[in-house]
Amino acid sequence: MNAPEAYRKLVSRSREISHLDSAMELAYWDQRINVPAKGHAHRVRHLAALWKMRYRRFTDSRIGDLLAIAENSPFMDDPASVEAVNLREWRRLHHRLKQVPEKLAIEIVRIGTEAEAVWERARPKNNWRRIQPLLERIVVLKRQEAEALGYEHEPYDALLADYELGETAGVIDALLKKLIPAILRVLDRLKEGGEPWPESPVTFGAPMSEQEAFAHDVAHCLGYGMEGGRIDVSAHPFATGLGPGDVRITARYREGDVREGLFGVVHEAGHATYVQGLPMDHWGEPLCHVASLGIDESQSLLWEYFVARSRGFWNHFYPVAQSRFPNLAGISPDAFYKAVNAPSPGSLRVNADELTYNLHIALRFDLERALVNQDLEVTDLPGAWDEKSMAYLSRRPSTYGEGVMQDVHWYSGLIGYFPTYTLGHLYAAQFFRSAEKELGNLDEFFSHGDFTALRQWLRDRIHSHGARFLPRQLVRNVTGEGLDPMYLVRHLEEKYSQLYER
């Protein structure tokens, strides 16, 4: 068999596996949106069966044989070619899956699916005892997975690499050691001379139907193509790409605060717009994937923080919001803009303002790293969460639902995921600055309701390349330099100095 024949067979197998992935994503979406309570047990078995099929197709020894033939050819001469990128990613995934025993891989999926369903019911009831045994099992399984994968420095690195290739806990720790003190300095400066955010005249309560309608209109205006997507309600917001022409998002609305649903929709629409901009003519191949979870988060956080909390955005959308929400009558645009950006070190990550967001990520990174490295046990997790919350946010959560149970990630097995949020925020700041250098003052575009220029810039520089480049290389290609956390630091310093004139 020659290299072109081997490559064609790999493409065919990859598309077959991608159809399985689509079936699993649809099952996950349905579990979070529609499945009745009595249907969860069957859904767990359903997903485990699909995952077993996927695992066996990817670890088949014939995949290794085909890769060896295709790799020993001119396909690899240009590392950025479609063929080289696909072969690189097929090799990486084949190798990674073969390192993890089938029984362990399937059990991680099974327990994660079961625990997510339990978490969804236990969180509103603050029932830590119900979910704790399942989380204990997940942590044990993820430790075993890390050992099976291997690592150079610490077990956590093996899991982090699944989400952000090339990063290590040590690198993330060093980034946070630069970022967190800078954030705390800005907070301290704002507090000089008294509390900088007095009781706001703005009340954000609104009927759920009006919130949904407004959020849908905003998502459409920002570029989320509803002809190829939909927006539903779930316990934890998420985005999922089921295949070409079908990229769905969900939101969580709260009667008392329009911001939670609105910014959640903008965030998830950022993810979805990225997926809608991937090179779909290569669907079913690794090239047609996001570059990494961190790059994916950069797109959602860029739209949520740099666009939807900008003055230009609200210059355009505030009159629309006032027409929909009577409680905003008489509130000046300046007062409203300050209110949607007010620093508020609360307990909930999904409601965090831009300044304090990474304090939440640092808290979770410290804890999940300790869990994986066996420096912390699940039994002690609530107390450790409270301590870290005091250290980073100067408050203790009043309930488990506001503390250790607030995020779904750990309960669905996504341990090692949280650093991608900080990386995404750092990438977003650097990308946004580069876009402004090329396009001009983006706030002026936003004030006129024009989000097309930025969206097209992102599509040309990032989305259309898919997984062609590893994340750090993509950042260098787009911005002309390596990742620099000072872009985010300067952005935060300038924004909050202007807001509070300090």
Protein backbone atom coordinates (compact mmCIF):
# COMPACT_ATOMS: atom_id res chain seq x y z
CA MET A 1 0.00 0.00 0.00
CA ASN A 2 1.36 3.43 -0.87
CA ALA A 3 1.12 6.61 1.22
CA PRO A 4 -1.84 8.21 -0.65
CA GLU A 5 -3.88 5.00 -0.24
CA ALA A 6 -3.02 4.82 3.47
CA TYR A 7 -3.97 8.47 3.91
CA ARG A 8 -7.32 7.98 2.19
CA LYS A 9 -8.10 5.05 4.48
CA LEU A 10 -7.22 7.19 7.51
CA VAL A 11 -9.54 9.97 6.32
CA SER A 12 -12.34 7.44 5.88
CA ARG A 13 -11.80 5.99 9.37
CA SER A 14 -11.57 9.50 10.86
CA ARG A 15 -14.91 10.52 9.36
CA GLU A 16 -16.51 7.32 10.65
CA ILE A 17 -15.22 8.13 14.16
CA SER A 18 -16.44 11.72 13.80
CA HIS A 19 -19.95 10.48 13.12
CA LEU A 20 -19.71 8.52 16.37
CA ASP A 21 -18.54 11.72 18.09
CA SER A 22 -21.60 13.51 16.69
CA ALA A 23 -23.86 10.79 18.07
CA MET A 24 -22.22 11.13 21.50
CA GLU A 25 -22.50 14.92 21.47
CA LEU A 26 -26.17 14.66 20.56
CA ALA A 27 -26.71 12.20 23.42
CA TYR A 28 -24.90 14.55 25.85
CA TRP A 29 -26.94 17.52 24.62
CA ASP A 30 -30.17 15.57 25.06
CA GLN A 31 -29.12 14.43 28.54
CA ARG A 32 -28.63 18.04 29.64
CA ILE A 33 -31.77 19.38 27.96
CA ASN A 34 -34.49 16.76 27.57
CA VAL A 35 -33.88 13.34 29.11
CA PRO A 36 -36.40 12.48 31.87
CA ALA A 37 -35.10 11.60 35.33
CA LYS A 38 -35.76 7.89 34.84
CA GLY A 39 -33.82 7.90 31.57
CA HIS A 40 -30.42 8.85 33.01
CA ALA A 41 -29.33 5.31 33.85
CA HIS A 42 -29.92 4.16 30.28
CA ARG A 43 -28.16 7.25 28.92
CA VAL A 44 -25.08 6.35 30.97
CA ARG A 45 -24.97 2.87 29.38
CA HIS A 46 -25.73 4.38 25.96
CA LEU A 47 -22.78 6.78 26.10
CA ALA A 48 -20.44 4.15 27.50
CA ALA A 49 -21.30 1.85 24.58
CA LEU A 50 -20.66 4.62 22.04
CA TRP A 51 -17.38 5.51 23.70
CA LYS A 52 -16.24 1.88 23.59
CA MET A 53 -16.89 1.80 19.85
CA ARG A 54 -14.89 5.01 19.42
CA TYR A 55 -12.03 3.78 21.59
CA ARG A 56 -11.69 0.51 19.66
CA ARG A 57 -11.74 2.22 16.28
CA PHE A 58 -9.04 4.68 17.30
CA THR A 59 -6.77 2.11 18.99
CA ASP A 60 -7.05 -0.48 16.23
CA SER A 61 -3.53 -1.65 15.31
CA ARG A 62 -4.36 -1.04 11.66
CA ILE A 63 -4.48 2.69 12.42
CA GLY A 64 -0.87 2.49 13.56
CA ASP A 65 0.12 0.62 10.39
CA LEU A 66 -1.59 3.17 8.15
CA LEU A 67 0.01 6.04 10.04
CA ALA A 68 3.48 4.53 9.64
CA ILE A 69 3.01 4.29 5.85
CA ALA A 70 1.56 7.79 5.43
CA GLU A 71 4.12 9.43 7.73
CA ASN A 72 7.01 7.98 5.75
CA SER A 73 6.20 10.14 2.74
CA PRO A 74 6.35 13.72 1.40
CA PHE A 75 3.07 14.39 3.27
CA MET A 76 5.20 15.42 6.24
CA ASP A 77 7.46 17.85 4.36
CA ASP A 78 5.29 20.88 5.18
CA PRO A 79 4.17 20.71 8.86
CA ALA A 80 1.31 23.14 8.15
CA SER A 81 -0.17 21.18 5.24
CA VAL A 82 -3.57 19.57 5.65
CA GLU A 83 -2.08 16.10 5.44
CA ALA A 84 0.71 16.76 7.94
CA VAL A 85 -1.68 18.34 10.45
CA ASN A 86 -4.12 15.44 10.19
CA LEU A 87 -1.33 12.87 10.52
CA ARG A 88 0.14 14.71 13.52
CA GLU A 89 -3.19 14.73 15.33
CA TRP A 90 -4.15 11.16 14.39
CA ARG A 91 -0.79 9.96 15.73
CA ARG A 92 -1.19 11.91 18.96
CA LEU A 93 -4.74 10.67 19.60
CA HIS A 94 -3.92 7.08 18.64
CA HIS A 95 -0.93 7.07 20.99
CA ARG A 96 -2.81 8.72 23.85
CA LEU A 97 -5.79 6.36 23.72
CA LYS A 98 -3.58 3.27 23.51
CA GLN A 99 -1.86 4.34 26.72
CA VAL A 100 -5.13 4.25 28.68
CA PRO A 101 -6.61 0.76 29.21
CA GLU A 102 -10.03 0.32 27.63
CA LYS A 103 -11.70 -0.59 30.92
CA LEU A 104 -10.38 2.59 32.57
CA ALA A 105 -11.33 4.82 29.62
CA ILE A 106 -14.90 3.49 29.56
CA GLU A 107 -15.29 3.73 33.33
CA ILE A 108 -14.26 7.40 33.28
CA VAL A 109 -16.99 8.12 30.73
CA ARG A 110 -19.57 6.05 32.61
CA ILE A 111 -18.96 7.58 36.03
CA GLY A 112 -18.63 11.11 34.62
CA THR A 113 -21.96 10.83 32.81
CA GLU A 114 -23.67 9.44 35.91
CA ALA A 115 -22.13 12.04 38.22
CA GLU A 116 -23.10 14.94 35.97
CA ALA A 117 -26.74 13.87 36.11
CA VAL A 118 -26.56 13.50 39.90
CA TRP A 119 -24.82 16.89 40.23
CA GLU A 120 -27.62 18.55 38.27
CA ARG A 121 -30.16 17.38 40.86
CA ALA A 122 -27.95 17.65 43.95
CA ARG A 123 -26.63 21.18 43.44
CA PRO A 124 -29.97 23.02 43.90
CA LYS A 125 -30.54 20.97 47.06
CA ASN A 126 -27.02 21.64 48.38
CA ASN A 127 -26.61 17.87 48.77
CA TRP A 128 -22.83 17.39 48.97
CA ARG A 129 -23.16 13.94 50.53
CA ARG A 130 -25.03 12.69 47.46
CA ILE A 131 -22.31 13.72 45.01
CA GLN A 132 -19.19 13.26 47.15
CA PRO A 133 -18.78 9.45 46.61
CA LEU A 134 -19.02 9.87 42.86
CA LEU A 135 -16.43 12.66 42.85
CA GLU A 136 -14.15 10.48 44.96
CA ARG A 137 -14.44 7.76 42.33
CA ILE A 138 -13.76 10.24 39.51
CA VAL A 139 -10.62 11.55 41.20
CA VAL A 140 -9.28 8.02 41.68
CA LEU A 141 -9.95 7.22 38.01
CA LYS A 142 -8.31 10.44 36.80
CA ARG A 143 -5.24 9.71 38.93
CA GLN A 144 -5.05 6.30 37.29
CA GLU A 145 -5.43 7.91 33.88
CA ALA A 146 -2.55 10.31 34.61
CA GLU A 147 -0.31 7.41 35.61
CA ALA A 148 -1.25 5.49 32.46
CA LEU A 149 -0.47 8.51 30.27
CA GLY A 150 2.81 9.30 31.97
CA TYR A 151 4.37 12.67 32.78
CA GLU A 152 7.71 14.32 33.28
CA HIS A 153 7.06 16.56 36.27
CA GLU A 154 3.74 15.78 38.00
CA PRO A 155 0.54 13.77 37.37
CA TYR A 156 -1.55 16.88 36.75
CA ASP A 157 0.48 17.63 33.60
CA ALA A 158 -0.83 14.47 31.93
CA LEU A 159 -4.44 15.64 32.28
CA LEU A 160 -3.76 19.28 31.40
CA ALA A 161 -2.16 18.16 28.11
CA ASP A 162 -5.49 16.71 27.04
CA TYR A 163 -6.92 20.24 26.91
CA GLU A 164 -3.89 22.46 26.17
CA LEU A 165 -1.04 20.61 24.50
CA GLY A 166 2.40 21.87 25.49
CA GLU A 167 1.37 23.43 28.81
CA THR A 168 2.36 22.19 32.26
CA ALA A 169 1.23 22.97 35.79
CA GLY A 170 4.54 24.75 36.36
CA VAL A 171 3.95 27.07 33.40
CA ILE A 172 0.36 27.79 34.49
CA ASP A 173 1.54 28.46 38.02
CA ALA A 174 4.16 30.94 36.75
CA LEU A 175 1.54 32.76 34.65
CA LEU A 176 -0.83 33.02 37.61
CA LYS A 177 1.99 34.28 39.83
CA LYS A 178 2.32 37.24 37.44
CA LEU A 179 -1.38 37.75 36.88
CA ILE A 180 -2.98 37.35 40.30
CA PRO A 181 -0.82 39.92 42.18
CA ALA A 182 -1.48 42.43 39.38
CA ILE A 183 -5.24 41.87 39.71
CA LEU A 184 -5.08 42.28 43.49
CA ARG A 185 -3.08 45.51 43.09
CA VAL A 186 -5.81 46.94 40.87
CA LEU A 187 -8.46 45.93 43.40
CA ASP A 188 -6.47 47.49 46.26
CA ARG A 189 -6.00 50.72 44.30
CA LEU A 190 -9.72 50.92 43.60
CA LYS A 191 -10.45 50.55 47.31
CA GLU A 192 -8.18 53.41 48.32
CA GLY A 193 -10.28 56.11 49.93
CA GLY A 194 -13.29 53.87 50.42
CA GLU A 195 -15.50 51.41 48.59
CA PRO A 196 -15.33 52.26 44.85
CA TRP A 197 -18.62 50.57 43.97
CA PRO A 198 -21.42 51.98 46.13
CA GLU A 199 -24.93 50.59 45.93
CA SER A 200 -25.86 50.76 42.26
CA PRO A 201 -29.06 52.51 41.17
CA VAL A 202 -29.44 49.79 38.53
CA THR A 203 -31.78 46.85 39.15
CA PHE A 204 -31.20 44.00 36.73
CA GLY A 205 -34.34 41.94 37.32
CA ALA A 206 -36.46 41.16 34.26
CA PRO A 207 -39.02 38.60 33.06
CA MET A 208 -37.36 35.46 31.74
CA SER A 209 -39.09 35.67 28.37
CA GLU A 210 -37.76 39.20 27.80
CA GLN A 211 -34.28 38.15 28.88
CA GLU A 212 -34.27 35.28 26.39
CA ALA A 213 -35.54 37.43 23.54
CA PHE A 214 -32.91 40.12 24.19
CA ALA A 215 -30.07 37.57 24.52
CA HIS A 216 -31.11 35.86 21.27
CA ASP A 217 -31.14 39.19 19.43
CA VAL A 218 -27.66 40.04 20.74
CA ALA A 219 -26.25 36.63 19.76
CA HIS A 220 -27.61 37.03 16.25
CA CYS A 221 -26.18 40.53 15.93
CA LEU A 222 -22.74 39.33 17.08
CA GLY A 223 -22.73 36.71 14.35
CA TYR A 224 -23.98 33.45 15.82
CA GLY A 225 -25.79 31.92 12.85
CA MET A 226 -29.14 30.69 14.12
CA GLU A 227 -29.86 28.95 10.82
CA GLY A 228 -27.10 26.55 11.90
CA GLY A 229 -27.72 26.58 15.63
CA ARG A 230 -30.20 26.91 18.48
CA ILE A 231 -30.30 28.20 22.07
CA ASP A 232 -31.80 26.12 24.88
CA VAL A 233 -31.80 26.26 28.69
CA SER A 234 -29.62 23.99 30.83
CA ALA A 235 -28.32 23.77 34.41
CA HIS A 236 -24.85 24.78 33.22
CA PRO A 237 -24.35 26.75 29.96
CA PHE A 238 -22.40 25.01 27.20
CA ALA A 239 -21.80 24.93 23.45
CA THR A 240 -21.59 21.82 21.31
CA GLY A 241 -20.88 21.23 17.65
CA LEU A 242 -22.83 18.25 16.37
CA GLY A 243 -21.64 18.57 12.78
CA PRO A 244 -21.76 20.89 9.78
CA GLY A 245 -24.71 23.26 10.10
CA ASP A 246 -25.53 22.25 13.68
CA VAL A 247 -23.72 24.13 16.46
CA ARG A 248 -25.90 24.53 19.56
CA ILE A 249 -25.60 26.56 22.74
CA THR A 250 -27.45 26.74 26.04
CA ALA A 251 -27.99 29.38 28.69
CA ARG A 252 -29.08 29.71 32.30
CA TYR A 253 -31.35 32.66 33.12
CA ARG A 254 -32.14 34.18 36.52
CA GLU A 255 -35.25 36.27 37.15
CA GLY A 256 -33.34 38.69 39.37
CA ASP A 257 -30.43 39.46 37.07
CA VAL A 258 -30.49 39.82 33.29
CA ARG A 259 -26.68 39.81 33.19
CA GLU A 260 -26.32 36.10 33.97
CA GLY A 261 -28.28 34.92 30.96
CA LEU A 262 -27.09 37.65 28.59
CA PHE A 263 -23.37 37.28 29.21
CA GLY A 264 -23.74 33.51 29.31
CA VAL A 265 -25.31 33.53 25.85
CA VAL A 266 -22.60 35.86 24.51
CA HIS A 267 -19.92 33.60 25.99
CA GLU A 268 -21.33 30.42 24.45
CA ALA A 269 -22.03 32.19 21.16
CA GLY A 270 -18.31 33.02 21.07
CA HIS A 271 -17.54 29.30 21.22
CA ALA A 272 -20.17 28.52 18.61
CA THR A 273 -19.05 31.24 16.19
CA TYR A 274 -15.54 29.77 16.31
CA VAL A 275 -16.88 26.32 15.42
CA GLN A 276 -19.08 27.75 12.66
CA GLY A 277 -15.96 29.33 11.17
CA LEU A 278 -13.86 26.15 11.04
CA PRO A 279 -12.84 24.72 7.62
CA MET A 280 -15.96 22.57 7.19
CA ASP A 281 -14.78 21.18 3.87
CA HIS A 282 -12.46 19.09 6.07
CA TRP A 283 -15.15 18.04 8.54
CA GLY A 284 -14.34 14.65 10.02
CA GLU A 285 -10.60 15.35 9.92
CA PRO A 286 -8.52 16.72 12.83
CA LEU A 287 -7.88 19.94 10.89
CA CYS A 288 -11.56 20.86 11.35
CA HIS A 289 -11.19 21.16 15.13
CA VAL A 290 -10.48 24.10 17.41
CA ALA A 291 -6.76 24.68 18.00
CA SER A 292 -7.12 23.99 21.73
CA LEU A 293 -9.51 24.54 24.62
CA GLY A 294 -7.57 27.68 25.58
CA ILE A 295 -7.94 29.15 22.09
CA ASP A 296 -11.61 28.14 22.19
CA GLU A 297 -12.03 29.97 25.51
CA SER A 298 -10.26 33.00 24.07
CA GLN A 299 -13.09 33.38 21.58
CA SER A 300 -15.85 33.16 24.18
CA LEU A 301 -14.09 35.46 26.66
CA LEU A 302 -13.17 37.95 23.95
CA TRP A 303 -16.85 38.39 23.02
CA GLU A 304 -18.06 38.32 26.63
CA TYR A 305 -15.53 40.69 28.20
CA PHE A 306 -13.88 42.75 25.46
CA VAL A 307 -17.01 43.24 23.38
CA ALA A 308 -20.18 42.78 25.46
CA ARG A 309 -18.84 44.77 28.43
CA SER A 310 -17.41 47.57 26.30
CA ARG A 311 -18.80 51.09 26.17
CA GLY A 312 -19.31 50.85 22.42
CA PHE A 313 -21.42 47.70 22.78
CA TRP A 314 -23.74 49.44 25.24
CA ASN A 315 -23.81 52.65 23.20
CA HIS A 316 -25.56 50.48 20.62
CA PHE A 317 -27.55 48.07 22.80
CA TYR A 318 -28.53 50.18 25.80
CA PRO A 319 -31.46 51.93 24.06
CA VAL A 320 -32.69 48.48 23.02
CA ALA A 321 -32.31 47.21 26.59
CA GLN A 322 -34.20 50.23 27.97
CA SER A 323 -37.08 49.57 25.58
CA ARG A 324 -37.29 45.95 26.77
CA PHE A 325 -36.67 46.43 30.50
CA PRO A 326 -38.74 49.21 32.12
CA ASN A 327 -36.62 49.16 35.29
CA LEU A 328 -33.79 50.79 33.31
CA ALA A 329 -35.85 53.92 32.62
CA GLY A 330 -34.08 56.97 34.02
CA ILE A 331 -30.74 55.15 34.42
CA SER A 332 -28.02 56.99 32.50
CA PRO A 333 -25.79 55.08 30.04
CA ASP A 334 -22.76 55.93 32.20
CA ALA A 335 -24.36 54.54 35.36
CA PHE A 336 -25.41 51.39 33.53
CA TYR A 337 -21.97 50.88 31.95
CA LYS A 338 -20.31 51.20 35.34
CA ALA A 339 -22.81 48.77 36.87
CA VAL A 340 -22.18 46.00 34.32
CA ASN A 341 -18.43 46.31 34.92
CA ALA A 342 -18.39 46.83 38.68
CA PRO A 343 -15.77 44.66 40.42
CA SER A 344 -17.57 42.28 42.75
CA PRO A 345 -15.54 39.42 44.24
CA GLY A 346 -18.55 37.14 44.63
CA SER A 347 -18.63 33.38 45.05
CA LEU A 348 -19.87 32.35 41.58
CA ARG A 349 -17.41 32.04 38.70
CA VAL A 350 -20.03 32.30 35.94
CA ASN A 351 -21.16 35.68 37.32
CA ALA A 352 -17.65 37.03 37.83
CA ASP A 353 -16.64 40.42 36.50
CA GLU A 354 -13.64 40.70 34.22
CA LEU A 355 -11.26 41.92 36.92
CA THR A 356 -11.88 39.11 39.43
CA TYR A 357 -12.54 36.25 36.98
CA ASN A 358 -9.07 34.75 37.17
CA LEU A 359 -9.16 34.68 40.96
CA HIS A 360 -11.85 32.01 40.54
CA ILE A 361 -9.67 30.08 38.09
CA ALA A 362 -6.61 30.22 40.36
CA LEU A 363 -8.72 28.79 43.21
CA ARG A 364 -9.86 25.84 41.09
CA PHE A 365 -6.41 25.24 39.59
CA ASP A 366 -4.84 25.00 43.05
CA LEU A 367 -7.47 22.54 44.24
CA GLU A 368 -7.64 20.22 41.22
CA ARG A 369 -3.86 20.13 41.00
CA ALA A 370 -3.71 19.09 44.65
CA LEU A 371 -6.42 16.45 44.09
CA VAL A 372 -4.62 14.84 41.15
CA ASN A 373 -1.20 14.99 42.83
CA GLN A 374 -2.69 13.36 45.97
CA ASP A 375 -2.00 16.38 48.17
CA LEU A 376 -5.74 16.72 48.86
CA GLU A 377 -8.60 14.24 49.23
CA VAL A 378 -12.20 14.83 48.22
CA THR A 379 -13.32 14.50 51.84
CA ASP A 380 -11.35 17.65 52.65
CA LEU A 381 -12.31 19.52 49.49
CA PRO A 382 -15.14 21.70 50.91
CA GLY A 383 -12.91 23.01 53.68
CA ALA A 384 -10.03 23.59 51.27
CA TRP A 385 -12.41 25.44 48.93
CA ASP A 386 -13.47 27.74 51.77
CA GLU A 387 -9.83 28.50 52.64
CA LYS A 388 -8.90 29.25 49.04
CA SER A 389 -12.01 31.37 48.62
CA MET A 390 -10.97 33.50 51.57
CA ALA A 391 -7.43 33.79 50.22
CA TYR A 392 -8.44 34.82 46.69
CA LEU A 393 -11.89 36.38 47.08
CA SER A 394 -11.97 37.42 50.76
CA ARG A 395 -15.22 35.51 51.32
CA ARG A 396 -16.51 32.07 52.12
CA PRO A 397 -19.36 30.59 50.09
CA SER A 398 -22.58 30.34 52.07
CA THR A 399 -23.58 26.99 50.52
CA TYR A 400 -22.01 24.04 48.73
CA GLY A 401 -23.84 25.21 45.62
CA GLU A 402 -21.90 28.47 45.78
CA GLY A 403 -18.71 26.62 46.62
CA VAL A 404 -17.44 23.17 45.79
CA MET A 405 -20.57 22.17 43.85
CA GLN A 406 -20.99 25.26 41.69
CA ASP A 407 -19.25 24.01 38.51
CA VAL A 408 -20.08 20.84 36.58
CA HIS A 409 -16.54 20.23 35.30
CA TRP A 410 -15.11 17.95 38.00
CA TYR A 411 -18.32 15.92 38.22
CA SER A 412 -18.26 15.17 34.50
CA GLY A 413 -14.58 14.18 34.69
CA LEU A 414 -13.08 17.38 33.21
CA ILE A 415 -10.20 17.65 35.67
CA GLY A 416 -7.33 19.70 34.26
CA TYR A 417 -9.68 21.94 32.25
CA PHE A 418 -9.76 25.11 34.37
CA PRO A 419 -6.38 26.61 33.35
CA THR A 420 -7.72 26.93 29.80
CA TYR A 421 -9.96 29.76 31.05
CA THR A 422 -6.97 31.82 32.19
CA LEU A 423 -5.04 30.98 29.04
CA GLY A 424 -8.12 31.96 27.05
CA HIS A 425 -8.36 35.31 28.83
CA LEU A 426 -4.67 36.00 28.17
CA TYR A 427 -4.99 34.98 24.52
CA ALA A 428 -8.14 37.11 24.16
CA ALA A 429 -6.43 40.27 25.44
CA GLN A 430 -3.55 39.81 23.02
CA PHE A 431 -5.81 38.97 20.08
CA PHE A 432 -8.08 41.96 20.75
CA ARG A 433 -5.11 44.33 20.89
CA SER A 434 -3.81 42.98 17.56
CA ALA A 435 -7.26 43.38 15.99
CA GLU A 436 -7.36 47.02 17.11
CA LYS A 437 -3.90 47.65 15.63
CA GLU A 438 -5.14 46.39 12.26
CA LEU A 439 -8.76 47.57 12.25
CA GLY A 440 -8.67 50.76 14.31
CA ASN A 441 -10.83 51.74 17.28
CA LEU A 442 -13.21 48.79 17.64
CA ASP A 443 -15.38 50.66 20.13
CA GLU A 444 -16.45 52.95 17.29
CA PHE A 445 -17.51 49.93 15.23
CA PHE A 446 -19.49 48.54 18.17
CA SER A 447 -21.20 51.88 18.82
CA HIS A 448 -22.71 51.62 15.33
CA GLY A 449 -23.76 48.00 15.82
CA ASP A 450 -20.97 46.79 13.53
CA PHE A 451 -19.44 43.55 14.82
CA THR A 452 -18.68 42.18 11.37
CA ALA A 453 -15.17 43.61 11.06
CA LEU A 454 -13.98 41.94 14.27
CA ARG A 455 -15.77 38.68 13.48
CA GLN A 456 -14.21 38.51 10.01
CA TRP A 457 -10.78 39.31 11.43
CA LEU A 458 -11.11 36.43 13.90
CA ARG A 459 -12.37 34.13 11.15
CA ASP A 460 -9.45 34.96 8.87
CA ARG A 461 -6.71 34.85 11.52
CA ILE A 462 -7.97 32.05 13.82
CA HIS A 463 -11.16 30.17 12.94
CA SER A 464 -10.36 29.22 9.34
CA HIS A 465 -7.07 27.58 10.37
CA GLY A 466 -8.75 25.04 12.63
CA ALA A 467 -6.12 22.88 14.36
CA ARG A 468 -3.38 23.72 11.85
CA PHE A 469 -1.19 25.36 14.49
CA LEU A 470 -0.53 24.52 18.13
CA PRO A 471 -1.85 27.26 20.46
CA ARG A 472 1.38 29.09 21.25
CA GLN A 473 2.36 29.09 17.57
CA LEU A 474 -1.08 30.40 16.61
CA VAL A 475 -0.70 33.27 19.09
CA ARG A 476 2.66 34.14 17.54
CA ASN A 477 1.26 33.94 14.01
CA VAL A 478 -1.69 36.20 14.85
CA THR A 479 0.03 38.76 17.07
CA GLY A 480 3.68 38.61 15.96
CA GLU A 481 4.92 37.68 19.43
CA GLY A 482 4.69 35.01 22.10
CA LEU A 483 2.07 34.95 24.83
CA ASP A 484 2.49 37.98 27.10
CA PRO A 485 0.26 38.28 30.21
CA MET A 486 0.96 42.00 30.39
CA TYR A 487 -1.60 42.65 27.63
CA LEU A 488 -4.36 41.53 29.98
CA VAL A 489 -2.82 43.32 32.96
CA ARG A 490 -2.62 46.63 31.08
CA HIS A 491 -6.16 46.20 29.75
CA LEU A 492 -7.52 45.71 33.28
CA GLU A 493 -5.50 48.59 34.72
CA GLU A 494 -6.63 51.00 32.00
CA LYS A 495 -10.28 49.94 32.04
CA TYR A 496 -10.79 50.19 35.80
CA SER A 497 -8.70 53.32 36.17
CA GLN A 498 -11.00 55.02 33.66
CA LEU A 499 -14.14 53.63 35.31
CA TYR A 500 -13.22 54.88 38.78
CA GLU A 501 -10.69 57.62 37.93
CA ARG A 502 -8.00 56.05 40.11
